[in-house]
Amino acid sequence: MLDPVQLLSAYCEGAFPMGDEGGRISWFRPPHRGILPIADFHVPRRFARYLRDHPFEVRWNTSFGDVMRGCADRPETWITDAILDSYQELHRLGFAHSAEVWRGSRLVGGVYGVSIGGAFFGESMFSRETQASKVALTHLQWRLKERGFIVHDTQWTTDHLASLGGYEIPCADYLDLLHRAIRLPVTFDDRPLGAHMVFR
């Protein structure tokens, strides 16, 4: 398992880890970084109509580990046991969060990530029903705006994220924005943070 302080410090410098089948953990800081705008987040008109009457319930932080396991449930995954344990510890400390989509008693989609100050680092999402992950991501965006976040880092930009307004910026620009964001006195929720961190 990664040390929580080491992991959070890496995020503050623009790096993030991924595991492989051999149990190794590698660190990445891409030359361009995916960003999903928060203040200017746009919901496509057709999906906005769907959101008004979708069949799901959205919850926060009630099944964090299950969301991670849902994200890892694919033929190839970087979410190894060490990654799972590390982020569950960050969740216990109040730095990692999940948006969960439920149909009745069944978890059908979700997204998880890490928050530091006004920066949210999206890690992965999954869907077991059509539109479930998109519902989770949209509600996450609304929550980030409501709580005063200014950065939603998506690491890279996919076609799906681009359809929601995602784009890439050079790493140097990302780091400038990141260092402003982590100093903001905002939090994802009202739980006390359990790791002593000083963000400069």
C-alpha atoms as a PDB file:
ATOM      1  CA  MET A   1       0.000   0.000   0.000  1.00  0.00           C
ATOM      2  CA  LEU A   2       1.183   3.514  -0.798  1.00  0.00           C
ATOM      3  CA  ASP A   3       1.842   5.893   2.055  1.00  0.00           C
ATOM      4  CA  PRO A   4      -1.077   8.390   2.146  1.00  0.00           C
ATOM      5  CA  VAL A   5       1.156  11.432   2.603  1.00  0.00           C
ATOM      6  CA  GLN A   6       3.362  10.349  -0.320  1.00  0.00           C
ATOM      7  CA  LEU A   7       0.293   9.788  -2.483  1.00  0.00           C
ATOM      8  CA  LEU A   8      -1.286  13.149  -1.675  1.00  0.00           C
ATOM      9  CA  SER A   9       2.036  14.938  -2.142  1.00  0.00           C
ATOM     10  CA  ALA A  10       2.369  13.379  -5.603  1.00  0.00           C
ATOM     11  CA  TYR A  11      -1.077  14.637  -6.574  1.00  0.00           C
ATOM     12  CA  CYS A  12      -0.056  18.127  -5.452  1.00  0.00           C
ATOM     13  CA  GLU A  13       2.832  17.956  -7.932  1.00  0.00           C
ATOM     14  CA  GLY A  14       0.692  16.668 -10.796  1.00  0.00           C
ATOM     15  CA  ALA A  15       1.600  12.967 -10.614  1.00  0.00           C
ATOM     16  CA  PHE A  16      -0.658   9.948 -10.162  1.00  0.00           C
ATOM     17  CA  PRO A  17      -0.026   6.190  -9.824  1.00  0.00           C
ATOM     18  CA  MET A  18      -1.201   3.174 -11.797  1.00  0.00           C
ATOM     19  CA  GLY A  19      -0.606  -0.483 -11.034  1.00  0.00           C
ATOM     20  CA  ASP A  20       0.134  -3.425 -13.323  1.00  0.00           C
ATOM     21  CA  GLU A  21      -0.406  -7.172 -13.213  1.00  0.00           C
ATOM     22  CA  GLY A  22       3.089  -7.749 -11.833  1.00  0.00           C
ATOM     23  CA  GLY A  23       2.268  -5.744  -8.735  1.00  0.00           C
ATOM     24  CA  ARG A  24       4.424  -2.791  -9.744  1.00  0.00           C
ATOM     25  CA  ILE A  25       3.200   0.782  -9.377  1.00  0.00           C
ATOM     26  CA  SER A  26       4.254   3.400 -11.925  1.00  0.00           C
ATOM     27  CA  TRP A  27       3.882   7.173 -11.672  1.00  0.00           C
ATOM     28  CA  PHE A  28       2.619   9.379 -14.502  1.00  0.00           C
ATOM     29  CA  ARG A  29       2.645  13.095 -15.267  1.00  0.00           C
ATOM     30  CA  PRO A  30       1.515  13.440 -18.909  1.00  0.00           C
ATOM     31  CA  PRO A  31       2.757  16.382 -21.009  1.00  0.00           C
ATOM     32  CA  HIS A  32      -0.878  17.400 -21.515  1.00  0.00           C
ATOM     33  CA  ARG A  33      -3.590  17.042 -18.894  1.00  0.00           C
ATOM     34  CA  GLY A  34      -7.289  16.374 -19.295  1.00  0.00           C
ATOM     35  CA  ILE A  35      -9.602  18.907 -17.641  1.00  0.00           C
ATOM     36  CA  LEU A  36     -13.364  18.846 -17.285  1.00  0.00           C
ATOM     37  CA  PRO A  37     -14.611  22.410 -16.732  1.00  0.00           C
ATOM     38  CA  ILE A  38     -16.673  22.942 -13.598  1.00  0.00           C
ATOM     39  CA  ALA A  39     -18.086  26.470 -13.802  1.00  0.00           C
ATOM     40  CA  ASP A  40     -18.837  26.097 -17.536  1.00  0.00           C
ATOM     41  CA  PHE A  41     -19.883  22.462 -17.468  1.00  0.00           C
ATOM     42  CA  HIS A  42     -22.445  21.827 -20.198  1.00  0.00           C
ATOM     43  CA  VAL A  43     -25.050  19.076 -20.143  1.00  0.00           C
ATOM     44  CA  PRO A  44     -26.236  18.164 -23.652  1.00  0.00           C
ATOM     45  CA  ARG A  45     -29.913  18.977 -24.160  1.00  0.00           C
ATOM     46  CA  ARG A  46     -30.999  15.391 -24.734  1.00  0.00           C
ATOM     47  CA  PHE A  47     -29.231  14.162 -21.622  1.00  0.00           C
ATOM     48  CA  ALA A  48     -30.630  17.070 -19.594  1.00  0.00           C
ATOM     49  CA  ARG A  49     -34.117  15.779 -20.428  1.00  0.00           C
ATOM     50  CA  TYR A  50     -33.056  12.293 -19.316  1.00  0.00           C
ATOM     51  CA  LEU A  51     -31.730  13.639 -16.011  1.00  0.00           C
ATOM     52  CA  ARG A  52     -35.122  15.085 -15.124  1.00  0.00           C
ATOM     53  CA  ASP A  53     -36.685  11.603 -15.023  1.00  0.00           C
ATOM     54  CA  HIS A  54     -33.881   9.048 -14.718  1.00  0.00           C
ATOM     55  CA  PRO A  55     -34.619   5.858 -12.723  1.00  0.00           C
ATOM     56  CA  PHE A  56     -31.620   6.044 -10.395  1.00  0.00           C
ATOM     57  CA  GLU A  57     -30.700   7.332  -6.942  1.00  0.00           C
ATOM     58  CA  VAL A  58     -27.374   9.146  -6.514  1.00  0.00           C
ATOM     59  CA  ARG A  59     -25.505   8.677  -3.227  1.00  0.00           C
ATOM     60  CA  TRP A  60     -22.145   9.874  -1.935  1.00  0.00           C
ATOM     61  CA  ASN A  61     -19.409   7.896  -0.162  1.00  0.00           C
ATOM     62  CA  THR A  62     -21.606   5.005   0.976  1.00  0.00           C
ATOM     63  CA  SER A  63     -19.813   2.201  -0.950  1.00  0.00           C
ATOM     64  CA  PHE A  64     -16.438   3.586  -1.943  1.00  0.00           C
ATOM     65  CA  GLY A  65     -14.681   0.218  -2.130  1.00  0.00           C
ATOM     66  CA  ASP A  66     -17.484  -1.259  -4.239  1.00  0.00           C
ATOM     67  CA  VAL A  67     -17.190   1.633  -6.690  1.00  0.00           C
ATOM     68  CA  MET A  68     -13.466   0.958  -7.031  1.00  0.00           C
ATOM     69  CA  ARG A  69     -14.109  -2.745  -7.553  1.00  0.00           C
ATOM     70  CA  GLY A  70     -16.738  -1.893 -10.168  1.00  0.00           C
ATOM     71  CA  CYS A  71     -14.173   0.245 -11.980  1.00  0.00           C
ATOM     72  CA  ALA A  72     -11.640  -2.599 -11.793  1.00  0.00           C
ATOM     73  CA  ASP A  73     -14.103  -5.180 -13.189  1.00  0.00           C
ATOM     74  CA  ARG A  74     -12.817  -5.236 -16.764  1.00  0.00           C
ATOM     75  CA  PRO A  75     -10.436  -7.414 -18.805  1.00  0.00           C
ATOM     76  CA  GLU A  76      -7.462  -5.151 -18.121  1.00  0.00           C
ATOM     77  CA  THR A  77      -7.179  -2.810 -15.139  1.00  0.00           C
ATOM     78  CA  TRP A  78      -4.592  -0.695 -13.366  1.00  0.00           C
ATOM     79  CA  ILE A  79      -6.595  -0.887 -10.133  1.00  0.00           C
ATOM     80  CA  THR A  80      -4.514  -3.541  -8.381  1.00  0.00           C
ATOM     81  CA  ASP A  81      -4.906  -4.686  -4.787  1.00  0.00           C
ATOM     82  CA  ALA A  82      -2.267  -2.158  -3.707  1.00  0.00           C
ATOM     83  CA  ILE A  83      -4.107   0.663  -5.493  1.00  0.00           C
ATOM     84  CA  LEU A  84      -7.411  -0.480  -3.992  1.00  0.00           C
ATOM     85  CA  ASP A  85      -5.975  -0.539  -0.472  1.00  0.00           C
ATOM     86  CA  SER A  86      -4.253   2.837  -0.911  1.00  0.00           C
ATOM     87  CA  TYR A  87      -7.358   4.684  -2.074  1.00  0.00           C
ATOM     88  CA  GLN A  88      -9.582   3.052   0.512  1.00  0.00           C
ATOM     89  CA  GLU A  89      -7.181   4.453   3.103  1.00  0.00           C
ATOM     90  CA  LEU A  90      -7.439   7.899   1.479  1.00  0.00           C
ATOM     91  CA  HIS A  91     -11.211   7.517   1.675  1.00  0.00           C
ATOM     92  CA  ARG A  92     -10.978   6.665   5.368  1.00  0.00           C
ATOM     93  CA  LEU A  93      -8.891   9.810   5.867  1.00  0.00           C
ATOM     94  CA  GLY A  94     -11.452  11.974   4.034  1.00  0.00           C
ATOM     95  CA  PHE A  95      -9.494  12.619   0.816  1.00  0.00           C
ATOM     96  CA  ALA A  96     -11.100  10.116  -1.593  1.00  0.00           C
ATOM     97  CA  HIS A  97     -14.759  10.115  -2.583  1.00  0.00           C
ATOM     98  CA  SER A  98     -17.320   8.268  -4.638  1.00  0.00           C
ATOM     99  CA  ALA A  99     -20.437   9.302  -6.507  1.00  0.00           C
ATOM    100  CA  GLU A 100     -22.674   6.242  -6.667  1.00  0.00           C
ATOM    101  CA  VAL A 101     -25.660   5.434  -8.836  1.00  0.00           C
ATOM    102  CA  TRP A 102     -28.146   2.972  -7.403  1.00  0.00           C
ATOM    103  CA  ARG A 103     -31.240   1.267  -8.722  1.00  0.00           C
ATOM    104  CA  GLY A 104     -32.961   0.071  -5.588  1.00  0.00           C
ATOM    105  CA  SER A 105     -30.421  -1.949  -3.616  1.00  0.00           C
ATOM    106  CA  ARG A 106     -28.095  -2.491  -6.601  1.00  0.00           C
ATOM    107  CA  LEU A 107     -25.042  -0.354  -7.350  1.00  0.00           C
ATOM    108  CA  VAL A 108     -25.203   0.174 -11.118  1.00  0.00           C
ATOM    109  CA  GLY A 109     -22.576   2.841 -11.717  1.00  0.00           C
ATOM    110  CA  GLY A 110     -20.215   5.298 -10.151  1.00  0.00           C
ATOM    111  CA  VAL A 111     -17.089   7.401 -10.250  1.00  0.00           C
ATOM    112  CA  TYR A 112     -14.350   7.951  -7.671  1.00  0.00           C
ATOM    113  CA  GLY A 113     -11.453  10.295  -7.163  1.00  0.00           C
ATOM    114  CA  VAL A 114      -9.321  12.317  -4.775  1.00  0.00           C
ATOM    115  CA  SER A 115      -9.904  15.852  -3.510  1.00  0.00           C
ATOM    116  CA  ILE A 116      -7.312  18.298  -2.186  1.00  0.00           C
ATOM    117  CA  GLY A 117      -8.458  21.852  -1.571  1.00  0.00           C
ATOM    118  CA  GLY A 118     -10.342  23.014  -4.659  1.00  0.00           C
ATOM    119  CA  ALA A 119      -8.937  20.291  -6.923  1.00  0.00           C
ATOM    120  CA  PHE A 120     -10.665  16.995  -7.682  1.00  0.00           C
ATOM    121  CA  PHE A 121      -8.659  14.239  -9.361  1.00  0.00           C
ATOM    122  CA  GLY A 122     -11.041  11.896 -11.179  1.00  0.00           C
ATOM    123  CA  GLU A 123      -9.704   8.348 -11.244  1.00  0.00           C
ATOM    124  CA  SER A 124     -12.198   6.011 -12.891  1.00  0.00           C
ATOM    125  CA  MET A 125     -15.876   5.307 -13.460  1.00  0.00           C
ATOM    126  CA  PHE A 126     -18.011   2.325 -14.353  1.00  0.00           C
ATOM    127  CA  SER A 127     -21.512   1.524 -15.525  1.00  0.00           C
ATOM    128  CA  ARG A 128     -23.649  -1.590 -15.296  1.00  0.00           C
ATOM    129  CA  GLU A 129     -26.665   0.106 -16.865  1.00  0.00           C
ATOM    130  CA  THR A 130     -26.943   2.534 -19.746  1.00  0.00           C
ATOM    131  CA  GLN A 131     -26.218   6.131 -18.724  1.00  0.00           C
ATOM    132  CA  ALA A 132     -25.388   5.244 -15.097  1.00  0.00           C
ATOM    133  CA  SER A 133     -21.779   6.471 -15.194  1.00  0.00           C
ATOM    134  CA  LYS A 134     -22.847   9.622 -17.023  1.00  0.00           C
ATOM    135  CA  VAL A 135     -25.414  10.318 -14.305  1.00  0.00           C
ATOM    136  CA  ALA A 136     -22.685   9.872 -11.667  1.00  0.00           C
ATOM    137  CA  LEU A 137     -20.265  12.167 -13.484  1.00  0.00           C
ATOM    138  CA  THR A 138     -22.879  14.883 -14.009  1.00  0.00           C
ATOM    139  CA  HIS A 139     -23.911  14.878 -10.351  1.00  0.00           C
ATOM    140  CA  LEU A 140     -20.236  14.964  -9.404  1.00  0.00           C
ATOM    141  CA  GLN A 141     -19.740  18.057 -11.558  1.00  0.00           C
ATOM    142  CA  TRP A 142     -22.683  19.775  -9.903  1.00  0.00           C
ATOM    143  CA  ARG A 143     -21.340  18.937  -6.462  1.00  0.00           C
ATOM    144  CA  LEU A 144     -17.869  20.273  -7.294  1.00  0.00           C
ATOM    145  CA  LYS A 145     -19.385  23.547  -8.472  1.00  0.00           C
ATOM    146  CA  GLU A 146     -21.575  23.805  -5.379  1.00  0.00           C
ATOM    147  CA  ARG A 147     -18.622  23.206  -3.055  1.00  0.00           C
ATOM    148  CA  GLY A 148     -16.339  25.746  -4.765  1.00  0.00           C
ATOM    149  CA  PHE A 149     -13.899  23.505  -6.668  1.00  0.00           C
ATOM    150  CA  ILE A 150     -12.058  25.012  -9.641  1.00  0.00           C
ATOM    151  CA  VAL A 151     -10.226  21.979 -11.092  1.00  0.00           C
ATOM    152  CA  HIS A 152     -11.527  18.583 -12.188  1.00  0.00           C
ATOM    153  CA  ASP A 153      -8.494  16.686 -13.451  1.00  0.00           C
ATOM    154  CA  THR A 154      -9.415  13.745 -15.705  1.00  0.00           C
ATOM    155  CA  GLN A 155      -5.783  12.761 -16.448  1.00  0.00           C
ATOM    156  CA  TRP A 156      -6.447  12.245 -20.164  1.00  0.00           C
ATOM    157  CA  THR A 157      -9.358  13.245 -22.395  1.00  0.00           C
ATOM    158  CA  THR A 158     -11.571  10.578 -23.980  1.00  0.00           C
ATOM    159  CA  ASP A 159     -14.250  11.052 -26.631  1.00  0.00           C
ATOM    160  CA  HIS A 160     -16.852  10.663 -23.870  1.00  0.00           C
ATOM    161  CA  LEU A 161     -15.285  13.422 -21.758  1.00  0.00           C
ATOM    162  CA  ALA A 162     -14.827  15.635 -24.820  1.00  0.00           C
ATOM    163  CA  SER A 163     -18.566  15.356 -25.494  1.00  0.00           C
ATOM    164  CA  LEU A 164     -19.105  16.935 -22.057  1.00  0.00           C
ATOM    165  CA  GLY A 165     -16.652  19.762 -22.679  1.00  0.00           C
ATOM    166  CA  GLY A 166     -13.419  18.074 -21.587  1.00  0.00           C
ATOM    167  CA  TYR A 167     -10.177  19.313 -23.093  1.00  0.00           C
ATOM    168  CA  GLU A 168      -6.406  19.135 -22.577  1.00  0.00           C
ATOM    169  CA  ILE A 169      -3.957  21.791 -21.422  1.00  0.00           C
ATOM    170  CA  PRO A 170      -0.136  21.743 -21.268  1.00  0.00           C
ATOM    171  CA  CYS A 171       1.310  20.343 -18.069  1.00  0.00           C
ATOM    172  CA  ALA A 172       2.878  23.696 -17.081  1.00  0.00           C
ATOM    173  CA  ASP A 173      -0.519  25.426 -17.305  1.00  0.00           C
ATOM    174  CA  TYR A 174      -2.115  22.582 -15.394  1.00  0.00           C
ATOM    175  CA  LEU A 175       0.429  22.876 -12.582  1.00  0.00           C
ATOM    176  CA  ASP A 176      -0.186  26.622 -12.258  1.00  0.00           C
ATOM    177  CA  LEU A 177      -3.926  25.993 -11.982  1.00  0.00           C
ATOM    178  CA  LEU A 178      -3.416  23.040  -9.637  1.00  0.00           C
ATOM    179  CA  HIS A 179      -1.226  24.975  -7.207  1.00  0.00           C
ATOM    180  CA  ARG A 180      -3.885  27.688  -6.952  1.00  0.00           C
ATOM    181  CA  ALA A 181      -6.635  25.129  -6.463  1.00  0.00           C
ATOM    182  CA  ILE A 182      -5.083  23.095  -3.649  1.00  0.00           C
ATOM    183  CA  ARG A 183      -4.753  26.218  -1.490  1.00  0.00           C
ATOM    184  CA  LEU A 184      -8.491  26.915  -1.549  1.00  0.00           C
ATOM    185  CA  PRO A 185     -10.299  26.328   1.768  1.00  0.00           C
ATOM    186  CA  VAL A 186     -12.972  24.077   0.283  1.00  0.00           C
ATOM    187  CA  THR A 187     -13.799  20.422   0.890  1.00  0.00           C
ATOM    188  CA  PHE A 188     -15.805  17.738  -0.863  1.00  0.00           C
ATOM    189  CA  ASP A 189     -17.894  17.137   2.245  1.00  0.00           C
ATOM    190  CA  ASP A 190     -17.849  18.086   5.895  1.00  0.00           C
ATOM    191  CA  ARG A 191     -15.861  15.153   7.240  1.00  0.00           C
ATOM    192  CA  PRO A 192     -12.655  16.114   9.096  1.00  0.00           C
ATOM    193  CA  LEU A 193      -9.473  15.269   7.198  1.00  0.00           C
ATOM    194  CA  GLY A 194      -7.371  12.657   8.940  1.00  0.00           C
ATOM    195  CA  ALA A 195      -3.915  13.230   7.436  1.00  0.00           C
ATOM    196  CA  HIS A 196      -1.721  16.171   8.362  1.00  0.00           C
ATOM    197  CA  MET A 197      -0.866  17.887   5.088  1.00  0.00           C
ATOM    198  CA  VAL A 198       0.554  21.309   4.333  1.00  0.00           C
ATOM    199  CA  PHE A 199      -0.004  22.391   0.725  1.00  0.00           C
ATOM    200  CA  ARG A 200       2.290  25.144  -0.481  1.00  0.00           C
END
